[in-house]
Each structure stands twice: as C-alpha cells, then as structure tokens.
Amino acid sequence: MEGEQTDYIWGVLDFVPDTDLPDIRIFCAVHSHNGSCMVIPREGDTVRLYVQLSDADVQDAATGRVDKSKFSPERLLDVARRSLSPFTIAAPRGVEWWTLYIIGQRVASKYSVQERVFIAGDACHTHSPKAGQGMNASINDSHDLAWKLTHVIRGWAGLSLLKTYEFERRKYAQDLIAFDKRWSALFSGKPRTDEDADGVTHEEFLEALKTSDQFMSGIGVYYAPSVLTRMTHQASAHGLVIGQRLHPHIFVRAADARPVDIHDMLPADGRFGVAVFAGDADTHLATLAHSLDTLLRRHADQRGGVAAVFNVFTVLARSKDDVNYTDVPELLRPHWSKVLLDDTDMFGRSGGGGYDAYGIDRARGAVVIVRPDGFVGTVAPLEDLSEIDEYFSSFMVETQS
C-alpha cells in the first residue's frame, strides 16, 4: 500500500440522544473552537457522532496505534458536549457502540495480477470512514469489476477489458484520498477568527462538504478517456459528462403520463443502456430504428439478441398530449414503459427540461450509451451512429456469423 497514517484521531458513538441541537436529525458537520463533530442520523432514533480528538494519551506509545483501554464512551461523549456547546447532549439509554481510530490514507499499488486475481474495497484503499465513504467506494469497486468479469466470462469481451478496472478505480481512489487529506485537515483545523487569521473559513469548509457529498453519491466520480469512455461527440450532449454517472432527471412516461426518473430505466442488470433522445419530430423514427437495429444486432445476434445485451428506450422532446407511444417503432419501445417524454406531469410539479439539462438539441437529438455501472460511455449524434459501432467494437469480441 502506498500512503501514510495521519495524526488525526477520531471517536465514533452510536446512541439515542437527548439533546436540544435542532439539527440532530440532519446530516451535518459542526466546526467549533472546541473541536469538530459530524452528525449522521441512523435508523430509528439512533444517531452516530464522529468526534475529533486531540488527546495524545489514546495512543499506545510503543505501536502508535489507538488503545481503546485508555478511553471510554463517557469521555468521548464529554468531548462531543464541548464541541456542540452551547447545545446540550446526553445518552440516557447508554451508548450502543463506540470506537476510536486513526485515519490512514493509502492506496494499493496494483489492483490485479495478470487480470486473474483482483482485490477490491478496503484491500485497495484506506481513508476516512466518515459517512460511508469506504462502503460506497467498495460497492462501486465491486460493481465495476463484476460487470466487466461478466462480459469476459460470457465471451462477449476479451481479457483486455479487465485492465480498465484498475485504470478507473485506482485513479478514483487516488482522487478520494487526495480529497480526504484536505478534508481531514480542514475538519481538524480551527475556525478562522480575527485572532486566528490562518484558521478555516466557513466558505472553505462548506465547499469541502459539497465535494464530500459528490464522492459519497458517486456523481463526482470521473473516468478518464479509454475504450469505455469515448469523448468524440461530447458536444452532442454537452450537459452530460462522458465518464461520469448519468445525472438523474424526471421525465414523463408516454403510456400513462406518470413521472419517471431516468435512473429507474437503467437497472443494474449487466446490460448497456441505449437512451435514444429522438428529438421533437416523428418523421425520422422508422429510419432511425432501422439503422440502430442493424448496428445493435451486429453485437447482439450471437449473444441472445438485442434485449439480452442492450436496454433500449426512447426519450421524445414532445408533449404528452400529442404522442401515441404505439407509433414509435418496436425497437425503440421494446416494452410499453420504454417511451418517455420531456414534459411535465399532469400536475406540472415534476418533469420537463431534460433535453436542456443534458445539453441535447431538441431538433437533432442524440443516442447516449450508459454502461452497466451507470456511467456515460459515449454519445452519438443521430446523423452519425457509427460512433456506437466503433465504441462496442473496441472491446467486444467479434461474433461469427
């Protein structure tokens, strides 16, 4: 592992609090002159507190490791009280669980051996565990590896696809640890005052918290160009970022006018999503369907058919009042639920503005390829679908006719 252990010591408490802190049921960070504290609501009435410690006596002098026998949950709760002052907090039912830890920030030098043996999760990277960063990173490591292994084992892709696992996930871990170093330093610093001009400003702290949210949600993860992230036609959907997760947005389902988040159209089932943003006209749909069908069959006919490899659905830039979804060619609507509209729901409370949010021209349209892990792989303008063929040909094994 490459990296180092920091000097930052933290305690963690799970308990049902008795407190007058109004934000106790909100994920929040408290940055005070008495230390910092993070509040994370849990199931039921339970709350988890991360408490910054400065007492060197919690370390074993011989090993440098935290020695829990030198501390107690009562002392930890007392530190939290000072951090949260003037608000009060107590644990009348006792502490359910507690621990101490020193933040280690390390990343493995390799994630695989000859694309035969792989490591994931904490075996690859260690960093601050706050707010489930380790769990989220581990789940995404595993998902990234799982879908790629599936395609290789099925014979759909060659072993070279597995090289992208380390290429993508190790860079992400390095970015996360670089941020974690800055985040830990900010969290452990004192607020800026007139007497302490070198302290941390509220704006710096808030910006770091927003970045932390992006890492936790996965929206801020970015994969560099590779065979799985082709940037050739990024301009055709300039509101999306190829190599990042597809951003959520509400559309309206044409068949029943119900609002649907586009993420619900993309289950994690190992297939590539083919989101056809067909624009605001219907005269070209038959030609578009024929061209796309020919292209997708080239990569799917020997693998169980288009529906086994690709999850195709259509998003029209039209109103729910003037669309009959059965007029959409079958390839573009393999199921009644597969036609969406960039329109508002019947109450006007959600939906609309999707083409603008994604930066897709309503007249020209585009096809967005979404990888099995939810990241945008490539974008193709409707007038040049060859990009899709080139994308899949770059890593999928050629089938025999």
Protein backbone atom coordinates (compact mmCIF):
# COMPACT_ATOMS: atom_id res chain seq x y z
CA MET A 1 0.00 0.00 0.00
CA GLU A 2 1.23 3.47 -0.88
CA GLY A 3 0.49 6.29 1.57
CA GLU A 4 0.75 7.08 5.24
CA GLN A 5 -1.00 7.19 8.58
CA THR A 6 -2.15 10.63 9.69
CA ASP A 7 -2.13 12.22 13.13
CA TYR A 8 -5.91 12.67 13.09
CA ILE A 9 -7.68 10.72 15.85
CA TRP A 10 -11.45 10.31 15.83
CA GLY A 11 -14.03 8.66 18.03
CA VAL A 12 -17.40 7.27 16.95
CA LEU A 13 -20.56 6.89 19.05
CA ASP A 14 -23.92 5.26 18.25
CA PHE A 15 -26.69 6.16 20.71
CA VAL A 16 -30.19 7.58 21.11
CA PRO A 17 -29.58 11.21 22.12
CA ASP A 18 -31.40 13.54 24.46
CA THR A 19 -30.46 16.94 23.02
CA ASP A 20 -31.64 20.43 22.18
CA LEU A 21 -29.49 20.52 18.99
CA PRO A 22 -32.14 21.31 16.32
CA ASP A 23 -30.11 19.64 13.53
CA ILE A 24 -29.70 16.29 15.27
CA ARG A 25 -31.81 14.53 12.57
CA ILE A 26 -29.92 16.16 9.70
CA PHE A 27 -26.59 15.02 8.27
CA CYS A 28 -24.40 17.94 9.28
CA ALA A 29 -20.94 18.98 10.39
CA VAL A 30 -20.20 21.18 13.39
CA HIS A 31 -16.94 23.13 13.25
CA SER A 32 -16.17 24.86 16.55
CA HIS A 33 -13.24 26.16 18.57
CA ASN A 34 -13.67 23.20 20.90
CA GLY A 35 -13.25 20.68 18.09
CA SER A 36 -15.28 19.31 15.21
CA CYS A 37 -18.16 16.86 15.19
CA MET A 38 -20.16 15.16 12.43
CA VAL A 39 -23.80 14.19 12.99
CA ILE A 40 -25.27 11.30 10.99
CA PRO A 41 -28.87 10.23 11.68
CA ARG A 42 -29.33 6.46 11.64
CA GLU A 43 -32.28 4.07 11.76
CA GLY A 44 -35.00 4.73 14.31
CA ASP A 45 -33.93 7.34 16.84
CA THR A 46 -30.24 6.38 16.76
CA VAL A 47 -27.60 8.93 15.82
CA ARG A 48 -23.92 8.43 15.00
CA LEU A 49 -21.44 11.10 16.09
CA TYR A 50 -17.91 11.38 14.72
CA VAL A 51 -15.90 13.32 17.28
CA GLN A 52 -12.49 14.88 16.69
CA LEU A 53 -9.96 14.04 19.42
CA SER A 54 -6.73 15.73 20.33
CA ASP A 55 -5.72 13.70 23.38
CA ALA A 56 -2.42 12.01 22.61
CA ASP A 57 -2.99 9.63 25.53
CA VAL A 58 -5.33 7.47 23.45
CA GLN A 59 -2.30 6.19 21.52
CA ASP A 60 -0.02 3.38 22.55
CA ALA A 61 3.45 4.98 22.62
CA ALA A 62 5.13 1.75 21.52
CA THR A 63 2.95 0.98 18.48
CA GLY A 64 1.42 4.35 17.61
CA ARG A 65 -1.97 2.64 17.40
CA VAL A 66 -5.11 3.69 19.23
CA ASP A 67 -5.56 1.97 22.58
CA LYS A 68 -9.28 1.86 23.46
CA SER A 69 -8.50 0.86 27.04
CA LYS A 70 -7.20 4.39 27.64
CA PHE A 71 -10.52 5.96 26.73
CA SER A 72 -14.23 5.37 27.34
CA PRO A 73 -17.59 6.22 25.71
CA GLU A 74 -18.32 8.59 28.59
CA ARG A 75 -15.15 10.58 27.90
CA LEU A 76 -15.94 10.57 24.19
CA LEU A 77 -19.44 11.92 24.83
CA ASP A 78 -17.94 14.61 27.05
CA VAL A 79 -15.72 15.74 24.15
CA ALA A 80 -18.83 15.87 21.94
CA ARG A 81 -20.59 18.05 24.51
CA ARG A 82 -17.77 20.60 24.37
CA SER A 83 -17.82 20.60 20.56
CA LEU A 84 -21.60 21.14 20.47
CA SER A 85 -21.76 23.77 23.21
CA PRO A 86 -23.92 25.78 23.91
CA PHE A 87 -26.28 22.95 22.90
CA THR A 88 -26.51 20.01 25.27
CA ILE A 89 -26.46 16.29 24.52
CA ALA A 90 -26.75 13.17 26.66
CA ALA A 91 -27.19 9.41 26.25
CA PRO A 92 -29.83 8.43 28.84
CA ARG A 93 -30.13 4.91 27.38
CA GLY A 94 -26.39 4.43 27.20
CA VAL A 95 -24.06 4.07 24.22
CA GLU A 96 -24.91 1.25 21.79
CA TRP A 97 -21.46 1.10 20.17
CA TRP A 98 -18.27 3.13 20.09
CA THR A 99 -14.74 3.02 18.74
CA LEU A 100 -11.60 5.08 18.15
CA TYR A 101 -9.43 5.21 15.06
CA ILE A 102 -6.53 7.00 13.41
CA ILE A 103 -7.07 7.93 9.77
CA GLY A 104 -4.82 6.01 7.39
CA GLN A 105 -4.66 7.21 3.78
CA ARG A 106 -3.26 4.54 1.48
CA VAL A 107 -3.91 3.00 -1.93
CA ALA A 108 -2.71 -0.31 -3.33
CA SER A 109 -0.01 -0.15 -6.00
CA LYS A 110 -1.85 -2.79 -8.07
CA TYR A 111 -5.46 -3.96 -8.17
CA SER A 112 -4.85 -7.20 -10.07
CA VAL A 113 -2.30 -9.81 -11.05
CA GLN A 114 -2.36 -10.58 -14.76
CA GLU A 115 -6.13 -9.94 -14.84
CA ARG A 116 -6.61 -13.24 -12.94
CA VAL A 117 -6.62 -12.20 -9.28
CA PHE A 118 -8.31 -8.99 -8.16
CA ILE A 119 -8.70 -7.01 -4.97
CA ALA A 120 -11.49 -4.57 -4.13
CA GLY A 121 -12.72 -2.34 -1.33
CA ASP A 122 -10.60 -1.88 1.78
CA ALA A 123 -7.94 -4.16 0.31
CA CYS A 124 -7.35 -1.42 -2.31
CA HIS A 125 -7.69 1.80 -0.34
CA THR A 126 -7.96 3.11 3.21
CA HIS A 127 -9.16 6.57 4.15
CA SER A 128 -11.58 8.34 6.46
CA PRO A 129 -14.69 6.20 7.04
CA LYS A 130 -16.96 9.18 7.60
CA ALA A 131 -20.42 8.95 6.04
CA GLY A 132 -19.78 5.57 4.45
CA GLN A 133 -17.05 6.69 2.02
CA GLY A 134 -15.31 3.35 2.38
CA MET A 135 -18.51 1.38 1.86
CA ASN A 136 -19.55 3.45 -1.17
CA ALA A 137 -16.11 3.13 -2.74
CA SER A 138 -16.08 -0.63 -2.07
CA ILE A 139 -19.50 -1.20 -3.60
CA ASN A 140 -18.51 0.74 -6.70
CA ASP A 141 -15.21 -1.17 -6.95
CA SER A 142 -17.16 -4.43 -6.85
CA HIS A 143 -19.80 -3.27 -9.33
CA ASP A 144 -17.15 -2.04 -11.78
CA LEU A 145 -15.32 -5.36 -11.58
CA ALA A 146 -18.44 -7.54 -11.61
CA TRP A 147 -19.94 -6.31 -14.87
CA LYS A 148 -16.59 -6.48 -16.63
CA LEU A 149 -15.96 -10.02 -15.37
CA THR A 150 -19.45 -10.98 -16.53
CA HIS A 151 -18.80 -9.80 -20.08
CA VAL A 152 -15.44 -11.58 -20.22
CA ILE A 153 -16.76 -14.85 -18.75
CA ARG A 154 -19.64 -14.85 -21.21
CA GLY A 155 -17.15 -14.44 -24.02
CA TRP A 156 -18.55 -11.05 -25.01
CA ALA A 157 -15.30 -9.18 -24.32
CA GLY A 158 -11.61 -10.04 -24.18
CA LEU A 159 -9.37 -10.01 -21.10
CA SER A 160 -8.16 -6.54 -22.04
CA LEU A 161 -11.48 -5.17 -20.73
CA LEU A 162 -10.38 -6.13 -17.21
CA LYS A 163 -7.41 -3.77 -17.45
CA THR A 164 -9.86 -0.89 -17.22
CA TYR A 165 -10.81 -1.93 -13.67
CA GLU A 166 -7.52 -0.78 -12.18
CA PHE A 167 -7.27 2.12 -14.63
CA GLU A 168 -10.60 3.54 -13.48
CA ARG A 169 -10.91 2.56 -9.84
CA ARG A 170 -7.32 3.22 -8.72
CA LYS A 171 -7.44 6.75 -10.12
CA TYR A 172 -10.72 7.26 -8.27
CA ALA A 173 -9.13 6.03 -5.01
CA GLN A 174 -6.19 8.39 -5.50
CA ASP A 175 -8.58 11.31 -6.06
CA LEU A 176 -10.61 10.33 -3.00
CA ILE A 177 -7.52 10.11 -0.79
CA ALA A 178 -6.20 13.43 -2.08
CA PHE A 179 -9.53 15.00 -1.15
CA ASP A 180 -9.62 13.11 2.15
CA LYS A 181 -6.27 14.64 3.14
CA ARG A 182 -7.63 18.13 2.53
CA TRP A 183 -10.97 17.27 4.16
CA SER A 184 -9.33 15.80 7.28
CA ALA A 185 -7.04 18.83 7.63
CA LEU A 186 -9.97 21.24 7.30
CA PHE A 187 -12.10 19.25 9.72
CA SER A 188 -9.31 19.13 12.28
CA GLY A 189 -8.45 22.83 11.91
CA LYS A 190 -9.91 25.68 13.94
CA PRO A 191 -12.38 28.22 12.50
CA ARG A 192 -10.89 31.46 11.26
CA THR A 193 -11.27 34.43 13.62
CA ASP A 194 -9.75 37.88 13.99
CA GLU A 195 -7.22 36.33 16.38
CA ASP A 196 -6.54 33.31 14.12
CA ALA A 197 -6.19 34.54 10.55
CA ASP A 198 -4.84 31.15 9.45
CA GLY A 199 -7.98 29.28 10.53
CA VAL A 200 -10.51 27.64 8.22
CA THR A 201 -13.22 29.87 6.76
CA HIS A 202 -16.85 28.81 6.68
CA GLU A 203 -16.77 29.01 2.86
CA GLU A 204 -13.78 26.62 2.65
CA PHE A 205 -15.50 24.19 4.98
CA LEU A 206 -18.80 24.33 3.06
CA GLU A 207 -17.08 23.81 -0.30
CA ALA A 208 -15.26 20.76 1.07
CA LEU A 209 -18.54 19.39 2.41
CA LYS A 210 -20.13 19.72 -1.04
CA THR A 211 -17.20 17.88 -2.61
CA SER A 212 -17.56 15.17 0.03
CA ASP A 213 -21.22 14.78 -0.97
CA GLN A 214 -20.16 14.21 -4.59
CA PHE A 215 -17.79 11.43 -3.58
CA MET A 216 -20.44 9.82 -1.36
CA SER A 217 -23.13 9.94 -4.06
CA GLY A 218 -20.77 8.93 -6.87
CA ILE A 219 -21.91 11.84 -9.05
CA GLY A 220 -18.47 13.46 -8.75
CA VAL A 221 -16.56 10.37 -9.92
CA TYR A 222 -14.91 10.84 -13.32
CA TYR A 223 -13.28 8.17 -15.51
CA ALA A 224 -10.63 9.34 -17.97
CA PRO A 225 -10.89 8.53 -21.70
CA SER A 226 -10.44 4.84 -22.55
CA VAL A 227 -12.13 2.19 -24.67
CA LEU A 228 -15.10 2.51 -22.30
CA THR A 229 -15.30 6.31 -22.30
CA ARG A 230 -15.08 7.84 -25.77
CA MET A 231 -15.31 11.63 -25.97
CA THR A 232 -15.65 12.01 -29.76
CA HIS A 233 -19.14 13.54 -29.71
CA GLN A 234 -19.29 15.08 -26.24
CA ALA A 235 -20.74 18.24 -27.83
CA SER A 236 -23.90 16.35 -28.79
CA ALA A 237 -24.84 16.16 -25.09
CA HIS A 238 -22.76 18.90 -23.51
CA GLY A 239 -24.81 18.86 -20.30
CA LEU A 240 -23.65 15.33 -19.58
CA VAL A 241 -20.04 14.40 -18.93
CA ILE A 242 -18.81 11.26 -20.67
CA GLY A 243 -17.00 9.30 -17.97
CA GLN A 244 -19.36 10.43 -15.18
CA ARG A 245 -22.61 8.94 -13.93
CA LEU A 246 -25.71 9.84 -15.87
CA HIS A 247 -27.31 12.63 -13.89
CA PRO A 248 -30.83 11.90 -12.61
CA HIS A 249 -33.76 13.67 -14.21
CA ILE A 250 -37.53 13.25 -14.18
CA PHE A 251 -39.32 12.51 -17.45
CA VAL A 252 -42.93 11.50 -18.14
CA ARG A 253 -43.83 8.02 -19.36
CA ALA A 254 -45.82 8.27 -22.60
CA ALA A 255 -48.12 5.32 -21.92
CA ASP A 256 -49.62 6.57 -18.65
CA ALA A 257 -48.20 10.12 -18.13
CA ARG A 258 -46.52 9.11 -14.88
CA PRO A 259 -43.24 10.80 -13.85
CA VAL A 260 -40.22 8.52 -14.04
CA ASP A 261 -36.60 9.14 -13.05
CA ILE A 262 -34.30 8.12 -15.88
CA HIS A 263 -32.24 6.09 -13.37
CA ASP A 264 -35.25 3.79 -12.95
CA MET A 265 -34.94 2.97 -16.65
CA LEU A 266 -31.41 1.68 -16.11
CA PRO A 267 -31.40 -1.30 -13.73
CA ALA A 268 -28.01 -2.77 -12.81
CA ASP A 269 -28.56 -5.97 -14.79
CA GLY A 270 -25.31 -6.15 -16.79
CA ARG A 271 -26.73 -4.61 -19.97
CA PHE A 272 -25.67 -1.41 -21.67
CA GLY A 273 -28.31 1.30 -21.66
CA VAL A 274 -29.15 2.79 -25.08
CA ALA A 275 -31.05 6.01 -24.41
CA VAL A 276 -32.39 7.28 -27.73
CA PHE A 277 -33.12 11.01 -27.47
CA ALA A 278 -35.06 11.12 -30.73
CA GLY A 279 -35.91 14.83 -30.60
CA ASP A 280 -39.18 16.58 -31.37
CA ALA A 281 -40.01 15.08 -34.79
CA ASP A 282 -41.53 11.69 -35.62
CA THR A 283 -40.89 11.50 -39.37
CA HIS A 284 -37.40 10.04 -38.96
CA LEU A 285 -38.18 7.42 -36.30
CA ALA A 286 -38.59 4.49 -38.72
CA THR A 287 -35.25 5.23 -40.42
CA LEU A 288 -33.56 5.73 -37.07
CA ALA A 289 -34.95 2.45 -35.73
CA HIS A 290 -33.77 0.51 -38.79
CA SER A 291 -30.24 1.94 -38.63
CA LEU A 292 -29.93 1.36 -34.89
CA ASP A 293 -31.38 -2.16 -35.15
CA THR A 294 -28.82 -3.14 -37.80
CA LEU A 295 -25.99 -1.75 -35.70
CA LEU A 296 -27.02 -3.35 -32.39
CA ARG A 297 -27.73 -6.76 -33.95
CA ARG A 298 -24.14 -6.83 -35.14
CA HIS A 299 -23.09 -7.06 -31.50
CA ALA A 300 -26.05 -8.98 -30.10
CA ASP A 301 -27.41 -11.60 -32.53
CA GLN A 302 -25.00 -14.30 -31.34
CA ARG A 303 -25.44 -13.29 -27.69
CA GLY A 304 -29.16 -13.84 -27.19
CA GLY A 305 -30.49 -10.91 -29.18
CA VAL A 306 -30.65 -7.16 -28.72
CA ALA A 307 -32.70 -7.30 -25.50
CA ALA A 308 -30.13 -9.60 -23.84
CA VAL A 309 -27.24 -7.19 -24.38
CA PHE A 310 -28.85 -3.76 -24.64
CA ASN A 311 -31.56 -1.94 -22.72
CA VAL A 312 -33.11 0.34 -25.35
CA PHE A 313 -35.56 3.11 -24.53
CA THR A 314 -36.61 6.36 -26.18
CA VAL A 315 -36.99 9.91 -24.89
CA LEU A 316 -39.03 12.24 -27.11
CA ALA A 317 -38.96 16.04 -26.87
CA ARG A 318 -42.71 16.22 -27.22
CA SER A 319 -45.88 16.78 -25.19
CA LYS A 320 -47.93 14.01 -23.57
CA ASP A 321 -50.98 15.45 -25.35
CA ASP A 322 -49.75 14.71 -28.88
CA VAL A 323 -47.86 11.40 -28.63
CA ASN A 324 -49.22 7.91 -29.21
CA TYR A 325 -46.45 5.67 -27.92
CA THR A 326 -47.54 2.79 -30.17
CA ASP A 327 -46.46 4.89 -33.17
CA VAL A 328 -42.85 4.55 -32.02
CA PRO A 329 -41.10 1.67 -33.86
CA GLU A 330 -40.83 -1.54 -31.83
CA LEU A 331 -37.03 -1.49 -31.46
CA LEU A 332 -37.29 1.93 -29.82
CA ARG A 333 -40.10 0.73 -27.50
CA PRO A 334 -39.46 -2.97 -26.69
CA HIS A 335 -41.97 -2.58 -23.83
CA TRP A 336 -44.85 -0.16 -23.23
CA SER A 337 -42.85 1.52 -20.46
CA LYS A 338 -39.88 2.31 -22.70
CA VAL A 339 -41.06 5.61 -24.22
CA LEU A 340 -40.51 8.75 -22.17
CA LEU A 341 -41.39 12.37 -22.86
CA ASP A 342 -39.55 15.53 -21.91
CA ASP A 343 -42.71 17.01 -20.45
CA THR A 344 -44.18 17.80 -17.04
CA ASP A 345 -46.56 15.50 -15.19
CA MET A 346 -50.31 16.24 -15.16
CA PHE A 347 -49.93 18.48 -12.09
CA GLY A 348 -46.98 20.42 -13.50
CA ARG A 349 -44.90 19.56 -10.43
CA SER A 350 -42.11 17.49 -11.94
CA GLY A 351 -40.52 16.68 -15.28
CA GLY A 352 -39.59 18.81 -18.25
CA GLY A 353 -36.33 20.46 -19.21
CA GLY A 354 -34.44 17.19 -19.68
CA TYR A 355 -33.04 17.96 -23.13
CA ASP A 356 -31.80 21.32 -21.90
CA ALA A 357 -30.30 19.80 -18.74
CA TYR A 358 -28.42 17.20 -20.76
CA GLY A 359 -27.40 19.70 -23.45
CA ILE A 360 -29.10 17.79 -26.27
CA ASP A 361 -30.53 19.72 -29.22
CA ARG A 362 -34.28 19.06 -29.47
CA ALA A 363 -34.18 19.05 -33.27
CA ARG A 364 -31.00 16.98 -33.78
CA GLY A 365 -31.26 14.54 -30.86
CA ALA A 366 -28.58 12.04 -29.76
CA VAL A 367 -28.05 8.50 -28.53
CA VAL A 368 -26.48 8.17 -25.07
CA ILE A 369 -24.76 4.89 -24.23
CA VAL A 370 -24.84 4.16 -20.50
CA ARG A 371 -22.51 1.50 -19.16
CA PRO A 372 -23.83 -1.29 -16.89
CA ASP A 373 -22.47 0.64 -13.88
CA GLY A 374 -24.43 3.79 -14.74
CA PHE A 375 -21.55 5.83 -16.22
CA VAL A 376 -21.92 7.52 -19.60
CA GLY A 377 -19.76 5.61 -22.08
CA THR A 378 -20.24 7.62 -25.24
CA VAL A 379 -22.68 9.84 -27.11
CA ALA A 380 -23.58 9.69 -30.79
CA PRO A 381 -25.48 12.25 -32.88
CA LEU A 382 -28.45 10.73 -34.69
CA GLU A 383 -26.89 11.53 -38.05
CA ASP A 384 -23.70 9.55 -37.22
CA LEU A 385 -24.49 6.31 -35.38
CA SER A 386 -21.17 4.81 -36.49
CA GLU A 387 -19.75 6.06 -33.18
CA ILE A 388 -21.82 3.41 -31.40
CA ASP A 389 -20.46 0.63 -33.62
CA GLU A 390 -16.89 1.84 -33.10
CA TYR A 391 -17.44 2.05 -29.35
CA PHE A 392 -18.61 -1.54 -28.91
CA SER A 393 -16.17 -2.92 -31.49
CA SER A 394 -13.28 -1.52 -29.43
CA PHE A 395 -13.78 -4.02 -26.58
CA MET A 396 -16.44 -6.58 -27.55
CA VAL A 397 -15.28 -9.81 -29.19
CA GLU A 398 -16.33 -10.04 -32.83
CA THR A 399 -19.06 -12.64 -33.33
CA GLN A 400 -19.04 -15.25 -36.06
CA SER A 401 -21.96 -15.02 -38.47
